[in-house]
Amino acid sequence: MYLPCTRLKLHCPFPNCTTVLMVKKCMTNHLQTKHKLSATDAEIKTMEIDVQAMKDEILGEGFKGSIHLVVFDLETTGLISDITPSPHIVEIAARLFGSSEHFTSLVNPECPIPESARTIHHISDDMVQASPPIQHVGQLFIDWTETFSCPQDIILLIAHNCEEFDKLVLIRALESVGITLPDNWRFADSLQLFRRTHPGFKGYHPYSLESLYKRFFDEAIPHGHRADGDINALLRLLMYAHGATSTSAQQKIINNLMSRYGRIIPSPLRNPTNKHPAGSFLNWWGVFFQTTVHPALLQ
């Protein structure tokens, strides 16, 4: 029998993190109260699972990949709405966390940029006229992620409001030109992350990138609403909020993303019927966690 805590531990890149220890404690308490095991027997029971067998079952035999955290941002021709369910991308920028690896490009949307969008990011039709279209830039972006990763690695793309905007726009844009999203891409939302790690902020859109930057650094984002400026701002926020070094910050960010308060975007890691397997990275353990651990244990 597989215990939920083992599934959680299995998918955590840092198995000694506080989240895993919390879950193990919950399961030990559950075995004591519901199954009447002694404290010693309950603790031993949580350690008896064949972790490698579970790992092989879910990830494939011999999985030894790494996780690469990539901060990214898009500028577009507008917001997602009933009228424009798929706004066109006019700029992409991304940076590998803790590295100088960087990608940025203007994108020709092959349509006029509305004035409402131009007033926000100040990208004009003339600026993108000589830029490549999304079918070219999208493939370059994918190729760039492959320069620092192996096929068995996970590319964890994090953006502010990713769940509601950037992920959807990027997937639809690539799909529209016949580009298949890499199977090893996962997405995470820094807006949800800050709501979880810094609850209680008040005011007008208190968790917007601009509001968070103003709150933490008491200044406006340099070159805000341009993709490059926004990823630099998000990188600074993530570093400030999660650790003094890139290594410790990345560990804390991933641990927090996979905490029990994470918002899950259903999209199994390995599901041949799912056209877009690169859903939220959180579902790696969140789906198992939510469906196998009774909520009462988490109070």
C-alpha atoms as a PDB file:
ATOM      1  CA  MET A   1       0.000   0.000   0.000  1.00  0.00           C
ATOM      2  CA  TYR A   2       1.314   3.453  -0.919  1.00  0.00           C
ATOM      3  CA  LEU A   3       0.883   6.189   1.654  1.00  0.00           C
ATOM      4  CA  PRO A   4       0.199   9.768   0.514  1.00  0.00           C
ATOM      5  CA  CYS A   5       3.259  11.081   2.343  1.00  0.00           C
ATOM      6  CA  THR A   6       5.442   8.864   0.175  1.00  0.00           C
ATOM      7  CA  ARG A   7       3.927  10.274  -2.995  1.00  0.00           C
ATOM      8  CA  LEU A   8       4.547  13.747  -1.653  1.00  0.00           C
ATOM      9  CA  LYS A   9       8.117  12.978  -0.727  1.00  0.00           C
ATOM     10  CA  LEU A  10       8.670  11.317  -4.073  1.00  0.00           C
ATOM     11  CA  HIS A  11       7.885  14.455  -6.036  1.00  0.00           C
ATOM     12  CA  CYS A  12       9.778  16.872  -3.845  1.00  0.00           C
ATOM     13  CA  PRO A  13      13.205  17.805  -5.233  1.00  0.00           C
ATOM     14  CA  PHE A  14      14.277  18.614  -1.678  1.00  0.00           C
ATOM     15  CA  PRO A  15      12.973  15.652   0.369  1.00  0.00           C
ATOM     16  CA  ASN A  16      13.964  17.126   3.733  1.00  0.00           C
ATOM     17  CA  CYS A  17      11.903  20.289   3.292  1.00  0.00           C
ATOM     18  CA  THR A  18       9.486  21.322   6.022  1.00  0.00           C
ATOM     19  CA  THR A  19       6.461  20.577   3.832  1.00  0.00           C
ATOM     20  CA  VAL A  20       7.359  16.885   3.605  1.00  0.00           C
ATOM     21  CA  LEU A  21       8.071  16.677   7.309  1.00  0.00           C
ATOM     22  CA  MET A  22       4.670  18.231   8.020  1.00  0.00           C
ATOM     23  CA  VAL A  23       2.901  15.677   5.843  1.00  0.00           C
ATOM     24  CA  LYS A  24       4.779  12.777   7.411  1.00  0.00           C
ATOM     25  CA  LYS A  25       3.683  14.033  10.829  1.00  0.00           C
ATOM     26  CA  CYS A  26       0.059  14.232   9.656  1.00  0.00           C
ATOM     27  CA  MET A  27       0.176  10.676   8.391  1.00  0.00           C
ATOM     28  CA  THR A  28       1.813   9.414  11.578  1.00  0.00           C
ATOM     29  CA  ASN A  29      -0.978  11.043  13.597  1.00  0.00           C
ATOM     30  CA  HIS A  30      -3.567   9.530  11.258  1.00  0.00           C
ATOM     31  CA  LEU A  31      -2.164   6.032  11.700  1.00  0.00           C
ATOM     32  CA  GLN A  32      -2.205   6.487  15.462  1.00  0.00           C
ATOM     33  CA  THR A  33      -5.738   7.892  15.755  1.00  0.00           C
ATOM     34  CA  LYS A  34      -7.561   6.022  12.985  1.00  0.00           C
ATOM     35  CA  HIS A  35      -5.619   2.764  12.860  1.00  0.00           C
ATOM     36  CA  LYS A  36      -4.677   2.616  16.537  1.00  0.00           C
ATOM     37  CA  LEU A  37      -0.961   2.143  15.917  1.00  0.00           C
ATOM     38  CA  SER A  38       1.591   3.156  18.504  1.00  0.00           C
ATOM     39  CA  ALA A  39       3.681   6.242  17.814  1.00  0.00           C
ATOM     40  CA  THR A  40       6.697   4.071  17.035  1.00  0.00           C
ATOM     41  CA  ASP A  41       4.794   1.685  14.753  1.00  0.00           C
ATOM     42  CA  ALA A  42       3.130   4.576  12.932  1.00  0.00           C
ATOM     43  CA  GLU A  43       6.460   6.254  12.283  1.00  0.00           C
ATOM     44  CA  ILE A  44       7.985   3.008  11.060  1.00  0.00           C
ATOM     45  CA  LYS A  45       4.996   2.417   8.765  1.00  0.00           C
ATOM     46  CA  THR A  46       5.525   5.728   6.979  1.00  0.00           C
ATOM     47  CA  MET A  47       9.099   4.691   6.222  1.00  0.00           C
ATOM     48  CA  GLU A  48       8.297   1.240   4.803  1.00  0.00           C
ATOM     49  CA  ILE A  49       7.257   2.285   1.317  1.00  0.00           C
ATOM     50  CA  ASP A  50       9.415   1.449  -1.661  1.00  0.00           C
ATOM     51  CA  VAL A  51      10.086   4.990  -2.836  1.00  0.00           C
ATOM     52  CA  GLN A  52      12.037   3.906  -5.898  1.00  0.00           C
ATOM     53  CA  ALA A  53       9.184   1.677  -7.069  1.00  0.00           C
ATOM     54  CA  MET A  54       6.763   4.582  -6.741  1.00  0.00           C
ATOM     55  CA  LYS A  55       9.172   6.876  -8.542  1.00  0.00           C
ATOM     56  CA  ASP A  56       9.551   4.418 -11.414  1.00  0.00           C
ATOM     57  CA  GLU A  57       5.778   3.981 -11.610  1.00  0.00           C
ATOM     58  CA  ILE A  58       5.043   7.684 -12.037  1.00  0.00           C
ATOM     59  CA  LEU A  59       8.131   9.217 -13.610  1.00  0.00           C
ATOM     60  CA  GLY A  60       9.480   6.251 -15.499  1.00  0.00           C
ATOM     61  CA  GLU A  61      12.249   3.909 -14.481  1.00  0.00           C
ATOM     62  CA  GLY A  62      15.562   5.555 -13.753  1.00  0.00           C
ATOM     63  CA  PHE A  63      14.365   9.186 -13.614  1.00  0.00           C
ATOM     64  CA  LYS A  64      17.320  11.377 -12.588  1.00  0.00           C
ATOM     65  CA  GLY A  65      16.321  14.769 -13.890  1.00  0.00           C
ATOM     66  CA  SER A  66      16.895  18.260 -12.526  1.00  0.00           C
ATOM     67  CA  ILE A  67      14.573  21.240 -12.150  1.00  0.00           C
ATOM     68  CA  HIS A  68      15.404  24.507 -13.934  1.00  0.00           C
ATOM     69  CA  LEU A  69      13.459  27.546 -12.708  1.00  0.00           C
ATOM     70  CA  VAL A  70      12.822  30.045 -15.530  1.00  0.00           C
ATOM     71  CA  VAL A  71      11.205  33.439 -14.891  1.00  0.00           C
ATOM     72  CA  PHE A  72       9.362  34.713 -17.964  1.00  0.00           C
ATOM     73  CA  ASP A  73       6.978  37.435 -19.094  1.00  0.00           C
ATOM     74  CA  LEU A  74       4.915  38.280 -22.168  1.00  0.00           C
ATOM     75  CA  GLU A  75       3.738  41.566 -23.616  1.00  0.00           C
ATOM     76  CA  THR A  76       0.688  41.257 -25.858  1.00  0.00           C
ATOM     77  CA  THR A  77      -1.856  43.076 -27.983  1.00  0.00           C
ATOM     78  CA  GLY A  78      -4.345  43.014 -25.108  1.00  0.00           C
ATOM     79  CA  LEU A  79      -5.947  41.023 -22.325  1.00  0.00           C
ATOM     80  CA  ILE A  80      -7.836  37.744 -22.554  1.00  0.00           C
ATOM     81  CA  SER A  81     -11.544  38.393 -23.086  1.00  0.00           C
ATOM     82  CA  ASP A  82     -14.566  36.943 -24.844  1.00  0.00           C
ATOM     83  CA  ILE A  83     -13.750  39.176 -27.798  1.00  0.00           C
ATOM     84  CA  THR A  84     -10.024  38.346 -27.869  1.00  0.00           C
ATOM     85  CA  PRO A  85      -9.560  34.908 -26.280  1.00  0.00           C
ATOM     86  CA  SER A  86      -6.024  34.724 -27.672  1.00  0.00           C
ATOM     87  CA  PRO A  87      -4.231  38.096 -27.729  1.00  0.00           C
ATOM     88  CA  HIS A  88      -1.097  38.139 -29.863  1.00  0.00           C
ATOM     89  CA  ILE A  89       2.361  38.180 -28.288  1.00  0.00           C
ATOM     90  CA  VAL A  90       4.544  41.198 -29.091  1.00  0.00           C
ATOM     91  CA  GLU A  91       7.461  40.475 -26.717  1.00  0.00           C
ATOM     92  CA  ILE A  92       8.900  37.518 -24.792  1.00  0.00           C
ATOM     93  CA  ALA A  93      11.610  37.681 -22.140  1.00  0.00           C
ATOM     94  CA  ALA A  94      12.947  34.953 -19.843  1.00  0.00           C
ATOM     95  CA  ARG A  95      15.850  34.371 -17.502  1.00  0.00           C
ATOM     96  CA  LEU A  96      17.181  31.178 -15.930  1.00  0.00           C
ATOM     97  CA  PHE A  97      17.072  31.628 -12.169  1.00  0.00           C
ATOM     98  CA  GLY A  98      20.515  32.029 -10.628  1.00  0.00           C
ATOM     99  CA  SER A  99      22.220  32.333 -13.997  1.00  0.00           C
ATOM    100  CA  SER A 100      23.106  34.838 -16.679  1.00  0.00           C
ATOM    101  CA  GLU A 101      21.219  32.732 -19.242  1.00  0.00           C
ATOM    102  CA  HIS A 102      18.683  35.062 -20.810  1.00  0.00           C
ATOM    103  CA  PHE A 103      16.215  35.205 -23.696  1.00  0.00           C
ATOM    104  CA  THR A 104      14.417  38.249 -25.078  1.00  0.00           C
ATOM    105  CA  SER A 105      12.769  39.082 -28.383  1.00  0.00           C
ATOM    106  CA  LEU A 106      10.151  41.328 -29.883  1.00  0.00           C
ATOM    107  CA  VAL A 107       7.518  39.450 -31.852  1.00  0.00           C
ATOM    108  CA  ASN A 108       5.680  40.609 -34.954  1.00  0.00           C
ATOM    109  CA  PRO A 109       1.986  39.940 -34.166  1.00  0.00           C
ATOM    110  CA  GLU A 110       1.136  40.342 -37.857  1.00  0.00           C
ATOM    111  CA  CYS A 111      -1.704  42.656 -36.884  1.00  0.00           C
ATOM    112  CA  PRO A 112      -1.986  46.242 -35.603  1.00  0.00           C
ATOM    113  CA  ILE A 113      -1.244  46.750 -31.899  1.00  0.00           C
ATOM    114  CA  PRO A 114      -4.272  48.446 -30.282  1.00  0.00           C
ATOM    115  CA  GLU A 115      -3.698  51.828 -28.682  1.00  0.00           C
ATOM    116  CA  SER A 116      -4.916  50.464 -25.328  1.00  0.00           C
ATOM    117  CA  ALA A 117      -1.997  48.011 -25.323  1.00  0.00           C
ATOM    118  CA  ARG A 118       0.544  50.515 -26.682  1.00  0.00           C
ATOM    119  CA  THR A 119      -0.150  52.918 -23.833  1.00  0.00           C
ATOM    120  CA  ILE A 120       0.825  50.191 -21.344  1.00  0.00           C
ATOM    121  CA  HIS A 121       3.979  48.632 -22.826  1.00  0.00           C
ATOM    122  CA  HIS A 122       4.857  51.350 -25.363  1.00  0.00           C
ATOM    123  CA  ILE A 123       5.600  48.800 -28.093  1.00  0.00           C
ATOM    124  CA  SER A 124       4.520  50.241 -31.437  1.00  0.00           C
ATOM    125  CA  ASP A 125       3.786  48.704 -34.814  1.00  0.00           C
ATOM    126  CA  ASP A 126       7.027  50.193 -36.144  1.00  0.00           C
ATOM    127  CA  MET A 127       9.062  48.530 -33.383  1.00  0.00           C
ATOM    128  CA  VAL A 128       7.859  45.035 -34.265  1.00  0.00           C
ATOM    129  CA  GLN A 129       7.625  45.430 -38.040  1.00  0.00           C
ATOM    130  CA  ALA A 130      11.060  43.903 -38.666  1.00  0.00           C
ATOM    131  CA  SER A 131      10.769  41.330 -35.852  1.00  0.00           C
ATOM    132  CA  PRO A 132      10.156  37.618 -36.499  1.00  0.00           C
ATOM    133  CA  PRO A 133       6.649  36.148 -36.025  1.00  0.00           C
ATOM    134  CA  ILE A 134       5.686  33.843 -33.179  1.00  0.00           C
ATOM    135  CA  GLN A 135       6.368  30.638 -35.117  1.00  0.00           C
ATOM    136  CA  HIS A 136      10.022  31.654 -35.282  1.00  0.00           C
ATOM    137  CA  VAL A 137      10.399  33.240 -31.839  1.00  0.00           C
ATOM    138  CA  GLY A 138       8.457  30.441 -30.155  1.00  0.00           C
ATOM    139  CA  GLN A 139      10.799  27.810 -31.543  1.00  0.00           C
ATOM    140  CA  LEU A 140      13.824  29.913 -30.568  1.00  0.00           C
ATOM    141  CA  PHE A 141      12.453  30.126 -27.036  1.00  0.00           C
ATOM    142  CA  ILE A 142      12.082  26.351 -26.831  1.00  0.00           C
ATOM    143  CA  ASP A 143      15.562  25.872 -28.297  1.00  0.00           C
ATOM    144  CA  TRP A 144      16.961  28.268 -25.694  1.00  0.00           C
ATOM    145  CA  THR A 145      15.578  26.184 -22.800  1.00  0.00           C
ATOM    146  CA  GLU A 146      17.252  23.130 -24.317  1.00  0.00           C
ATOM    147  CA  THR A 147      20.695  24.770 -24.151  1.00  0.00           C
ATOM    148  CA  PHE A 148      20.820  24.412 -20.353  1.00  0.00           C
ATOM    149  CA  SER A 149      18.693  21.299 -19.833  1.00  0.00           C
ATOM    150  CA  CYS A 150      18.492  17.620 -20.716  1.00  0.00           C
ATOM    151  CA  PRO A 151      15.368  15.847 -22.001  1.00  0.00           C
ATOM    152  CA  GLN A 152      14.761  14.240 -18.601  1.00  0.00           C
ATOM    153  CA  ASP A 153      14.894  17.588 -16.778  1.00  0.00           C
ATOM    154  CA  ILE A 154      11.925  19.755 -15.828  1.00  0.00           C
ATOM    155  CA  ILE A 155      11.664  23.343 -17.053  1.00  0.00           C
ATOM    156  CA  LEU A 156       9.583  25.195 -14.448  1.00  0.00           C
ATOM    157  CA  LEU A 157       8.358  28.449 -16.010  1.00  0.00           C
ATOM    158  CA  ILE A 158       7.147  30.999 -13.477  1.00  0.00           C
ATOM    159  CA  ALA A 159       5.400  34.276 -14.293  1.00  0.00           C
ATOM    160  CA  HIS A 160       3.225  36.737 -12.394  1.00  0.00           C
ATOM    161  CA  ASN A 161      -0.427  35.838 -12.998  1.00  0.00           C
ATOM    162  CA  CYS A 162       0.813  32.919 -15.086  1.00  0.00           C
ATOM    163  CA  GLU A 163      -2.199  30.761 -14.327  1.00  0.00           C
ATOM    164  CA  GLU A 164      -4.723  33.262 -15.662  1.00  0.00           C
ATOM    165  CA  PHE A 165      -2.740  34.837 -18.475  1.00  0.00           C
ATOM    166  CA  ASP A 166       0.845  34.048 -19.513  1.00  0.00           C
ATOM    167  CA  LYS A 167       0.472  30.274 -19.595  1.00  0.00           C
ATOM    168  CA  LEU A 168      -2.754  30.412 -21.582  1.00  0.00           C
ATOM    169  CA  VAL A 169      -1.481  32.996 -24.063  1.00  0.00           C
ATOM    170  CA  LEU A 170       1.819  31.183 -24.657  1.00  0.00           C
ATOM    171  CA  ILE A 171       0.232  27.768 -25.145  1.00  0.00           C
ATOM    172  CA  ARG A 172      -2.431  29.122 -27.515  1.00  0.00           C
ATOM    173  CA  ALA A 173       0.127  31.117 -29.501  1.00  0.00           C
ATOM    174  CA  LEU A 174       2.435  28.135 -29.993  1.00  0.00           C
ATOM    175  CA  GLU A 175      -0.472  25.825 -30.740  1.00  0.00           C
ATOM    176  CA  SER A 176      -1.829  28.224 -33.363  1.00  0.00           C
ATOM    177  CA  VAL A 177       1.360  27.855 -35.431  1.00  0.00           C
ATOM    178  CA  GLY A 178       1.714  24.101 -34.945  1.00  0.00           C
ATOM    179  CA  ILE A 179       4.431  24.153 -32.282  1.00  0.00           C
ATOM    180  CA  THR A 180       4.125  21.369 -29.724  1.00  0.00           C
ATOM    181  CA  LEU A 181       4.792  22.377 -26.152  1.00  0.00           C
ATOM    182  CA  PRO A 182       7.726  20.381 -24.716  1.00  0.00           C
ATOM    183  CA  ASP A 183       6.639  17.544 -22.438  1.00  0.00           C
ATOM    184  CA  ASN A 184       9.060  18.659 -19.732  1.00  0.00           C
ATOM    185  CA  TRP A 185       7.640  22.189 -19.357  1.00  0.00           C
ATOM    186  CA  ARG A 186       5.646  23.034 -16.223  1.00  0.00           C
ATOM    187  CA  PHE A 187       4.129  26.357 -15.166  1.00  0.00           C
ATOM    188  CA  ALA A 188       3.807  28.132 -11.806  1.00  0.00           C
ATOM    189  CA  ASP A 189       2.237  31.418 -10.750  1.00  0.00           C
ATOM    190  CA  SER A 190       4.247  33.870  -8.610  1.00  0.00           C
ATOM    191  CA  LEU A 191       1.090  35.879  -7.851  1.00  0.00           C
ATOM    192  CA  GLN A 192      -0.407  32.849  -6.105  1.00  0.00           C
ATOM    193  CA  LEU A 193       2.947  32.227  -4.434  1.00  0.00           C
ATOM    194  CA  PHE A 194       3.094  35.713  -2.885  1.00  0.00           C
ATOM    195  CA  ARG A 195      -0.531  35.519  -1.777  1.00  0.00           C
ATOM    196  CA  ARG A 196       0.399  32.371   0.094  1.00  0.00           C
ATOM    197  CA  THR A 197       3.740  33.418   1.556  1.00  0.00           C
ATOM    198  CA  HIS A 198       2.756  37.026   2.359  1.00  0.00           C
ATOM    199  CA  PRO A 199      -0.982  36.982   3.203  1.00  0.00           C
ATOM    200  CA  GLY A 200      -2.992  39.983   4.311  1.00  0.00           C
ATOM    201  CA  PHE A 201      -1.767  42.717   1.971  1.00  0.00           C
ATOM    202  CA  LYS A 202      -4.477  45.349   1.427  1.00  0.00           C
ATOM    203  CA  GLY A 203      -5.057  48.085  -1.114  1.00  0.00           C
ATOM    204  CA  TYR A 204      -5.667  48.360  -4.842  1.00  0.00           C
ATOM    205  CA  HIS A 205      -4.462  45.128  -6.502  1.00  0.00           C
ATOM    206  CA  PRO A 206      -2.060  44.497  -3.604  1.00  0.00           C
ATOM    207  CA  TYR A 207      -0.463  41.451  -5.226  1.00  0.00           C
ATOM    208  CA  SER A 208       0.157  42.921  -8.656  1.00  0.00           C
ATOM    209  CA  LEU A 209       3.799  43.012  -9.667  1.00  0.00           C
ATOM    210  CA  GLU A 210       3.830  46.811  -9.434  1.00  0.00           C
ATOM    211  CA  SER A 211       2.260  46.837  -5.952  1.00  0.00           C
ATOM    212  CA  LEU A 212       4.609  44.186  -4.576  1.00  0.00           C
ATOM    213  CA  TYR A 213       7.651  45.956  -5.986  1.00  0.00           C
ATOM    214  CA  LYS A 214       6.538  49.273  -4.501  1.00  0.00           C
ATOM    215  CA  ARG A 215       5.812  47.632  -1.143  1.00  0.00           C
ATOM    216  CA  PHE A 216       9.172  45.841  -0.879  1.00  0.00           C
ATOM    217  CA  PHE A 217      11.475  48.381  -2.514  1.00  0.00           C
ATOM    218  CA  ASP A 218       9.531  51.660  -2.315  1.00  0.00           C
ATOM    219  CA  GLU A 219      10.069  52.461  -5.977  1.00  0.00           C
ATOM    220  CA  ALA A 220       8.492  51.854  -9.365  1.00  0.00           C
ATOM    221  CA  ILE A 221       9.653  48.978 -11.545  1.00  0.00           C
ATOM    222  CA  PRO A 222      12.457  50.147 -13.845  1.00  0.00           C
ATOM    223  CA  HIS A 223      11.237  49.708 -17.422  1.00  0.00           C
ATOM    224  CA  GLY A 224       7.964  48.318 -16.109  1.00  0.00           C
ATOM    225  CA  HIS A 225       5.464  46.738 -18.522  1.00  0.00           C
ATOM    226  CA  ARG A 226       8.267  45.705 -20.833  1.00  0.00           C
ATOM    227  CA  ALA A 227       8.955  41.981 -20.641  1.00  0.00           C
ATOM    228  CA  ASP A 228      12.629  42.400 -19.752  1.00  0.00           C
ATOM    229  CA  GLY A 229      11.885  44.939 -17.012  1.00  0.00           C
ATOM    230  CA  ASP A 230       9.139  42.794 -15.504  1.00  0.00           C
ATOM    231  CA  ILE A 231      11.220  39.604 -15.295  1.00  0.00           C
ATOM    232  CA  ASN A 232      14.040  41.523 -13.629  1.00  0.00           C
ATOM    233  CA  ALA A 233      11.535  42.929 -11.142  1.00  0.00           C
ATOM    234  CA  LEU A 234      10.089  39.472 -10.448  1.00  0.00           C
ATOM    235  CA  LEU A 235      13.560  37.999 -10.020  1.00  0.00           C
ATOM    236  CA  ARG A 236      14.425  40.683  -7.490  1.00  0.00           C
ATOM    237  CA  LEU A 237      11.180  40.088  -5.597  1.00  0.00           C
ATOM    238  CA  LEU A 238      11.670  36.320  -5.519  1.00  0.00           C
ATOM    239  CA  MET A 239      15.238  36.677  -4.280  1.00  0.00           C
ATOM    240  CA  TYR A 240      14.290  39.247  -1.643  1.00  0.00           C
ATOM    241  CA  ALA A 241      11.382  37.191  -0.329  1.00  0.00           C
ATOM    242  CA  HIS A 242      12.972  33.738  -0.409  1.00  0.00           C
ATOM    243  CA  GLY A 243      16.678  33.890   0.276  1.00  0.00           C
ATOM    244  CA  ALA A 244      19.975  35.704   0.079  1.00  0.00           C
ATOM    245  CA  THR A 245      21.459  33.348  -2.504  1.00  0.00           C
ATOM    246  CA  SER A 246      20.001  32.016  -5.725  1.00  0.00           C
ATOM    247  CA  THR A 247      20.409  28.399  -4.565  1.00  0.00           C
ATOM    248  CA  SER A 248      18.581  28.868  -1.258  1.00  0.00           C
ATOM    249  CA  ALA A 249      15.936  31.054  -2.910  1.00  0.00           C
ATOM    250  CA  GLN A 250      15.213  28.491  -5.608  1.00  0.00           C
ATOM    251  CA  GLN A 251      14.869  25.740  -3.016  1.00  0.00           C
ATOM    252  CA  LYS A 252      12.425  27.807  -0.952  1.00  0.00           C
ATOM    253  CA  ILE A 253      10.435  28.874  -4.012  1.00  0.00           C
ATOM    254  CA  ILE A 254       9.920  25.301  -5.209  1.00  0.00           C
ATOM    255  CA  ASN A 255       9.103  24.121  -1.691  1.00  0.00           C
ATOM    256  CA  ASN A 256       6.492  26.872  -1.325  1.00  0.00           C
ATOM    257  CA  LEU A 257       5.036  26.169  -4.753  1.00  0.00           C
ATOM    258  CA  MET A 258       4.491  22.566  -3.728  1.00  0.00           C
ATOM    259  CA  SER A 259       3.103  23.381  -0.299  1.00  0.00           C
ATOM    260  CA  ARG A 260      -0.385  22.230   0.678  1.00  0.00           C
ATOM    261  CA  TYR A 261      -1.796  25.701   0.016  1.00  0.00           C
ATOM    262  CA  GLY A 262      -0.846  25.583  -3.637  1.00  0.00           C
ATOM    263  CA  ARG A 263      -3.534  26.094  -6.242  1.00  0.00           C
ATOM    264  CA  ILE A 264      -3.589  23.057  -8.480  1.00  0.00           C
ATOM    265  CA  ILE A 265      -3.975  23.196 -12.253  1.00  0.00           C
ATOM    266  CA  PRO A 266      -5.008  19.625 -13.187  1.00  0.00           C
ATOM    267  CA  SER A 267      -2.680  18.252 -15.822  1.00  0.00           C
ATOM    268  CA  PRO A 268      -1.040  14.888 -15.093  1.00  0.00           C
ATOM    269  CA  LEU A 269       2.678  14.498 -15.638  1.00  0.00           C
ATOM    270  CA  ARG A 270       2.199  11.411 -17.739  1.00  0.00           C
ATOM    271  CA  ASN A 271      -1.190  11.201 -19.439  1.00  0.00           C
ATOM    272  CA  PRO A 272      -1.203  10.211 -23.125  1.00  0.00           C
ATOM    273  CA  THR A 273      -4.785  11.458 -23.518  1.00  0.00           C
ATOM    274  CA  ASN A 274      -3.868  14.957 -22.370  1.00  0.00           C
ATOM    275  CA  LYS A 275      -2.981  17.114 -25.358  1.00  0.00           C
ATOM    276  CA  HIS A 276      -1.041  19.565 -23.225  1.00  0.00           C
ATOM    277  CA  PRO A 277       0.809  17.609 -20.513  1.00  0.00           C
ATOM    278  CA  ALA A 278       2.774  20.687 -19.439  1.00  0.00           C
ATOM    279  CA  GLY A 279       0.308  21.915 -16.863  1.00  0.00           C
ATOM    280  CA  SER A 280       1.144  23.245 -13.450  1.00  0.00           C
ATOM    281  CA  PHE A 281       4.213  21.791 -11.801  1.00  0.00           C
ATOM    282  CA  LEU A 282       2.189  21.859  -8.602  1.00  0.00           C
ATOM    283  CA  ASN A 283       0.069  18.903  -9.653  1.00  0.00           C
ATOM    284  CA  TRP A 284       3.102  16.632  -9.340  1.00  0.00           C
ATOM    285  CA  TRP A 285       2.154  16.137  -5.744  1.00  0.00           C
ATOM    286  CA  GLY A 286      -0.873  18.362  -5.303  1.00  0.00           C
ATOM    287  CA  VAL A 287      -3.243  15.976  -7.089  1.00  0.00           C
ATOM    288  CA  PHE A 288      -2.083  13.032  -4.984  1.00  0.00           C
ATOM    289  CA  PHE A 289      -2.134  15.164  -1.879  1.00  0.00           C
ATOM    290  CA  GLN A 290      -5.628  16.535  -2.359  1.00  0.00           C
ATOM    291  CA  THR A 291      -7.211  13.242  -3.366  1.00  0.00           C
ATOM    292  CA  THR A 292      -5.574  10.942  -0.810  1.00  0.00           C
ATOM    293  CA  VAL A 293      -5.187  12.943   2.404  1.00  0.00           C
ATOM    294  CA  HIS A 294      -8.405  13.759   4.258  1.00  0.00           C
ATOM    295  CA  PRO A 295      -8.737  17.554   4.844  1.00  0.00           C
ATOM    296  CA  ALA A 296      -9.406  16.979   8.521  1.00  0.00           C
ATOM    297  CA  LEU A 297      -5.818  15.812   8.934  1.00  0.00           C
ATOM    298  CA  LEU A 298      -4.520  19.154   7.750  1.00  0.00           C
ATOM    299  CA  GLN A 299      -6.208  21.398  10.298  1.00  0.00           C
END
